[in-house]
Amino acid sequence: MLIPLIAAIGAAVWAGWVARDRTTGDIHELAGYEKFRAAMEKPHSGSHTL
């Protein structure tokens, strides 16, 4: 009876970990991506080499 109890506790901990709120990291990364896109869309000054 101890093994199913341990498995149930482990499943509850895992489910809580998977369902955690991760939106703060996503917002930060999306802002960084927007800055990257804006920088890549700017016309480059200086020499043009291919």
PDB file of N, CA and C in Angstrom:
ATOM      1  N   MET A   1       0.819  -1.198   0.000  1.00  0.00           N
ATOM      2  CA  MET A   1       0.000   0.000   0.000  1.00  0.00           C
ATOM      3  C   MET A   1       0.865   1.265   0.000  1.00  0.00           C
ATOM      4  N   LEU A   2       2.122   1.142   0.349  1.00  0.00           N
ATOM      5  CA  LEU A   2       2.985   2.321   0.414  1.00  0.00           C
ATOM      6  C   LEU A   2       3.406   2.794  -0.984  1.00  0.00           C
ATOM      7  N   ILE A   3       3.632   1.873  -1.895  1.00  0.00           N
ATOM      8  CA  ILE A   3       4.068   2.241  -3.247  1.00  0.00           C
ATOM      9  C   ILE A   3       3.008   3.071  -3.981  1.00  0.00           C
ATOM     10  N   PRO A   4       1.728   2.673  -3.990  1.00  0.00           N
ATOM     11  CA  PRO A   4       0.725   3.528  -4.652  1.00  0.00           C
ATOM     12  C   PRO A   4       0.591   4.909  -3.996  1.00  0.00           C
ATOM     13  N   LEU A   5       0.762   4.983  -2.688  1.00  0.00           N
ATOM     14  CA  LEU A   5       0.691   6.261  -1.997  1.00  0.00           C
ATOM     15  C   LEU A   5       1.828   7.182  -2.440  1.00  0.00           C
ATOM     16  N   ILE A   6       3.028   6.636  -2.509  1.00  0.00           N
ATOM     17  CA  ILE A   6       4.188   7.414  -2.961  1.00  0.00           C
ATOM     18  C   ILE A   6       4.002   7.837  -4.419  1.00  0.00           C
ATOM     19  N   ALA A   7       3.470   6.936  -5.243  1.00  0.00           N
ATOM     20  CA  ALA A   7       3.224   7.272  -6.651  1.00  0.00           C
ATOM     21  C   ALA A   7       2.184   8.385  -6.773  1.00  0.00           C
ATOM     22  N   ALA A   8       1.156   8.360  -5.971  1.00  0.00           N
ATOM     23  CA  ALA A   8       0.127   9.399  -6.011  1.00  0.00           C
ATOM     24  C   ALA A   8       0.692  10.748  -5.567  1.00  0.00           C
ATOM     25  N   ILE A   9       1.522  10.750  -4.549  1.00  0.00           N
ATOM     26  CA  ILE A   9       2.148  11.999  -4.091  1.00  0.00           C
ATOM     27  C   ILE A   9       3.090  12.537  -5.171  1.00  0.00           C
ATOM     28  N   GLY A  10       3.862  11.648  -5.770  1.00  0.00           N
ATOM     29  CA  GLY A  10       4.754  12.067  -6.858  1.00  0.00           C
ATOM     30  C   GLY A  10       3.989  12.628  -8.046  1.00  0.00           C
ATOM     31  N   ALA A  11       2.863  12.009  -8.390  1.00  0.00           N
ATOM     32  CA  ALA A  11       2.044  12.497  -9.499  1.00  0.00           C
ATOM     33  C   ALA A  11       1.453  13.866  -9.173  1.00  0.00           C
ATOM     34  N   ALA A  12       1.057  14.087  -7.940  1.00  0.00           N
ATOM     35  CA  ALA A  12       0.499  15.378  -7.545  1.00  0.00           C
ATOM     36  C   ALA A  12       1.567  16.476  -7.607  1.00  0.00           C
ATOM     37  N   VAL A  13       2.775  16.156  -7.157  1.00  0.00           N
ATOM     38  CA  VAL A  13       3.869  17.127  -7.222  1.00  0.00           C
ATOM     39  C   VAL A  13       4.204  17.441  -8.672  1.00  0.00           C
ATOM     40  N   TRP A  14       4.290  16.430  -9.514  1.00  0.00           N
ATOM     41  CA  TRP A  14       4.597  16.629 -10.928  1.00  0.00           C
ATOM     42  C   TRP A  14       3.509  17.457 -11.605  1.00  0.00           C
ATOM     43  N   ALA A  15       2.241  17.180 -11.333  1.00  0.00           N
ATOM     44  CA  ALA A  15       1.140  17.928 -11.930  1.00  0.00           C
ATOM     45  C   ALA A  15       1.179  19.389 -11.486  1.00  0.00           C
ATOM     46  N   GLY A  16       1.506  19.638 -10.252  1.00  0.00           N
ATOM     47  CA  GLY A  16       1.635  21.012  -9.777  1.00  0.00           C
ATOM     48  C   GLY A  16       2.779  21.742 -10.454  1.00  0.00           C
ATOM     49  N   TRP A  17       3.874  21.053 -10.686  1.00  0.00           N
ATOM     50  CA  TRP A  17       5.033  21.649 -11.344  1.00  0.00           C
ATOM     51  C   TRP A  17       4.708  21.982 -12.799  1.00  0.00           C
ATOM     52  N   VAL A  18       4.011  21.091 -13.471  1.00  0.00           N
ATOM     53  CA  VAL A  18       3.671  21.314 -14.884  1.00  0.00           C
ATOM     54  C   VAL A  18       2.652  22.443 -15.031  1.00  0.00           C
ATOM     55  N   ALA A  19       1.735  22.582 -14.105  1.00  0.00           N
ATOM     56  CA  ALA A  19       0.664  23.573 -14.204  1.00  0.00           C
ATOM     57  C   ALA A  19       1.057  24.941 -13.661  1.00  0.00           C
ATOM     58  N   ARG A  20       2.303  25.133 -13.249  1.00  0.00           N
ATOM     59  CA  ARG A  20       2.693  26.413 -12.659  1.00  0.00           C
ATOM     60  C   ARG A  20       2.587  27.537 -13.687  1.00  0.00           C
ATOM     61  N   ASP A  21       2.477  28.744 -13.204  1.00  0.00           N
ATOM     62  CA  ASP A  21       2.317  29.926 -14.046  1.00  0.00           C
ATOM     63  C   ASP A  21       3.689  30.389 -14.523  1.00  0.00           C
ATOM     64  N   ARG A  22       3.892  30.383 -15.828  1.00  0.00           N
ATOM     65  CA  ARG A  22       5.179  30.777 -16.387  1.00  0.00           C
ATOM     66  C   ARG A  22       5.052  31.991 -17.303  1.00  0.00           C
ATOM     67  N   THR A  23       4.033  32.804 -17.154  1.00  0.00           N
ATOM     68  CA  THR A  23       3.810  33.909 -18.080  1.00  0.00           C
ATOM     69  C   THR A  23       4.832  35.023 -17.929  1.00  0.00           C
ATOM     70  N   THR A  24       5.432  35.206 -16.759  1.00  0.00           N
ATOM     71  CA  THR A  24       6.382  36.301 -16.589  1.00  0.00           C
ATOM     72  C   THR A  24       7.608  36.109 -17.464  1.00  0.00           C
ATOM     73  N   GLY A  25       8.115  34.909 -17.586  1.00  0.00           N
ATOM     74  CA  GLY A  25       9.263  34.652 -18.447  1.00  0.00           C
ATOM     75  C   GLY A  25       8.920  34.818 -19.909  1.00  0.00           C
ATOM     76  N   ASP A  26       7.704  34.453 -20.282  1.00  0.00           N
ATOM     77  CA  ASP A  26       7.288  34.589 -21.670  1.00  0.00           C
ATOM     78  C   ASP A  26       7.226  36.053 -22.081  1.00  0.00           C
ATOM     79  N   ILE A  27       6.719  36.912 -21.202  1.00  0.00           N
ATOM     80  CA  ILE A  27       6.605  38.332 -21.520  1.00  0.00           C
ATOM     81  C   ILE A  27       7.994  38.931 -21.728  1.00  0.00           C
ATOM     82  N   HIS A  28       8.935  38.568 -20.877  1.00  0.00           N
ATOM     83  CA  HIS A  28      10.309  39.075 -21.000  1.00  0.00           C
ATOM     84  C   HIS A  28      10.938  38.605 -22.312  1.00  0.00           C
ATOM     85  N   GLU A  29      10.752  37.355 -22.657  1.00  0.00           N
ATOM     86  CA  GLU A  29      11.346  36.838 -23.885  1.00  0.00           C
ATOM     87  C   GLU A  29      10.699  37.430 -25.122  1.00  0.00           C
ATOM     88  N   LEU A  30       9.391  37.669 -25.087  1.00  0.00           N
ATOM     89  CA  LEU A  30       8.719  38.297 -26.231  1.00  0.00           C
ATOM     90  C   LEU A  30       9.202  39.726 -26.428  1.00  0.00           C
ATOM     91  N   ALA A  31       9.450  40.447 -25.353  1.00  0.00           N
ATOM     92  CA  ALA A  31       9.977  41.806 -25.465  1.00  0.00           C
ATOM     93  C   ALA A  31      11.366  41.782 -26.100  1.00  0.00           C
ATOM     94  N   GLY A  32      12.184  40.837 -25.699  1.00  0.00           N
ATOM     95  CA  GLY A  32      13.512  40.697 -26.299  1.00  0.00           C
ATOM     96  C   GLY A  32      13.435  40.350 -27.777  1.00  0.00           C
ATOM     97  N   TYR A  33      12.484  39.517 -28.142  1.00  0.00           N
ATOM     98  CA  TYR A  33      12.306  39.147 -29.539  1.00  0.00           C
ATOM     99  C   TYR A  33      11.862  40.358 -30.362  1.00  0.00           C
ATOM    100  N   GLU A  34      10.982  41.184 -29.801  1.00  0.00           N
ATOM    101  CA  GLU A  34      10.539  42.390 -30.497  1.00  0.00           C
ATOM    102  C   GLU A  34      11.716  43.338 -30.727  1.00  0.00           C
ATOM    103  N   LYS A  35      12.592  43.495 -29.735  1.00  0.00           N
ATOM    104  CA  LYS A  35      13.778  44.338 -29.899  1.00  0.00           C
ATOM    105  C   LYS A  35      14.681  43.778 -30.994  1.00  0.00           C
ATOM    106  N   PHE A  36      14.835  42.466 -31.025  1.00  0.00           N
ATOM    107  CA  PHE A  36      15.660  41.825 -32.047  1.00  0.00           C
ATOM    108  C   PHE A  36      15.083  42.074 -33.436  1.00  0.00           C
ATOM    109  N   ARG A  37      13.766  41.895 -33.588  1.00  0.00           N
ATOM    110  CA  ARG A  37      13.126  42.128 -34.884  1.00  0.00           C
ATOM    111  C   ARG A  37      13.274  43.574 -35.331  1.00  0.00           C
ATOM    112  N   ALA A  38      13.079  44.499 -34.395  1.00  0.00           N
ATOM    113  CA  ALA A  38      13.216  45.921 -34.737  1.00  0.00           C
ATOM    114  C   ALA A  38      14.635  46.233 -35.190  1.00  0.00           C
ATOM    115  N   ALA A  39      15.627  45.663 -34.519  1.00  0.00           N
ATOM    116  CA  ALA A  39      17.017  45.894 -34.903  1.00  0.00           C
ATOM    117  C   ALA A  39      17.324  45.290 -36.268  1.00  0.00           C
ATOM    118  N   MET A  40      16.754  44.141 -36.578  1.00  0.00           N
ATOM    119  CA  MET A  40      17.025  43.495 -37.871  1.00  0.00           C
ATOM    120  C   MET A  40      16.315  44.214 -39.019  1.00  0.00           C
ATOM    121  N   GLU A  41      15.219  44.914 -38.740  1.00  0.00           N
ATOM    122  CA  GLU A  41      14.487  45.611 -39.792  1.00  0.00           C
ATOM    123  C   GLU A  41      15.056  46.990 -40.097  1.00  0.00           C
ATOM    124  N   LYS A  42      15.915  47.524 -39.231  1.00  0.00           N
ATOM    125  CA  LYS A  42      16.521  48.832 -39.468  1.00  0.00           C
ATOM    126  C   LYS A  42      17.446  48.756 -40.670  1.00  0.00           C
ATOM    127  N   PRO A  43      17.446  49.808 -41.488  1.00  0.00           N
ATOM    128  CA  PRO A  43      18.428  49.826 -42.583  1.00  0.00           C
ATOM    129  C   PRO A  43      19.831  49.996 -41.995  1.00  0.00           C
ATOM    130  N   HIS A  44      20.762  49.265 -42.558  1.00  0.00           N
ATOM    131  CA  HIS A  44      22.133  49.285 -42.058  1.00  0.00           C
ATOM    132  C   HIS A  44      22.895  50.423 -42.710  1.00  0.00           C
ATOM    133  N   SER A  45      23.711  51.096 -41.958  1.00  0.00           N
ATOM    134  CA  SER A  45      24.565  52.127 -42.492  1.00  0.00           C
ATOM    135  C   SER A  45      25.977  51.568 -42.645  1.00  0.00           C
ATOM    136  N   GLY A  46      26.764  52.179 -43.510  1.00  0.00           N
ATOM    137  CA  GLY A  46      28.123  51.715 -43.685  1.00  0.00           C
ATOM    138  C   GLY A  46      28.271  50.915 -44.969  1.00  0.00           C
ATOM    139  N   SER A  47      29.280  50.085 -45.012  1.00  0.00           N
ATOM    140  CA  SER A  47      29.553  49.315 -46.226  1.00  0.00           C
ATOM    141  C   SER A  47      28.539  48.196 -46.401  1.00  0.00           C
ATOM    142  N   HIS A  48      28.299  47.889 -47.637  1.00  0.00           N
ATOM    143  CA  HIS A  48      27.360  46.812 -47.966  1.00  0.00           C
ATOM    144  C   HIS A  48      28.157  45.654 -48.579  1.00  0.00           C
ATOM    145  N   THR A  49      28.345  44.604 -47.836  1.00  0.00           N
ATOM    146  CA  THR A  49      29.107  43.464 -48.337  1.00  0.00           C
ATOM    147  C   THR A  49      28.210  42.245 -48.401  1.00  0.00           C
ATOM    148  N   LEU A  50      28.453  41.455 -49.394  1.00  0.00           N
ATOM    149  CA  LEU A  50      27.708  40.189 -49.558  1.00  0.00           C
ATOM    150  C   LEU A  50      28.603  39.019 -49.427  1.00  0.00           C
TER     151      LEU A  50
END
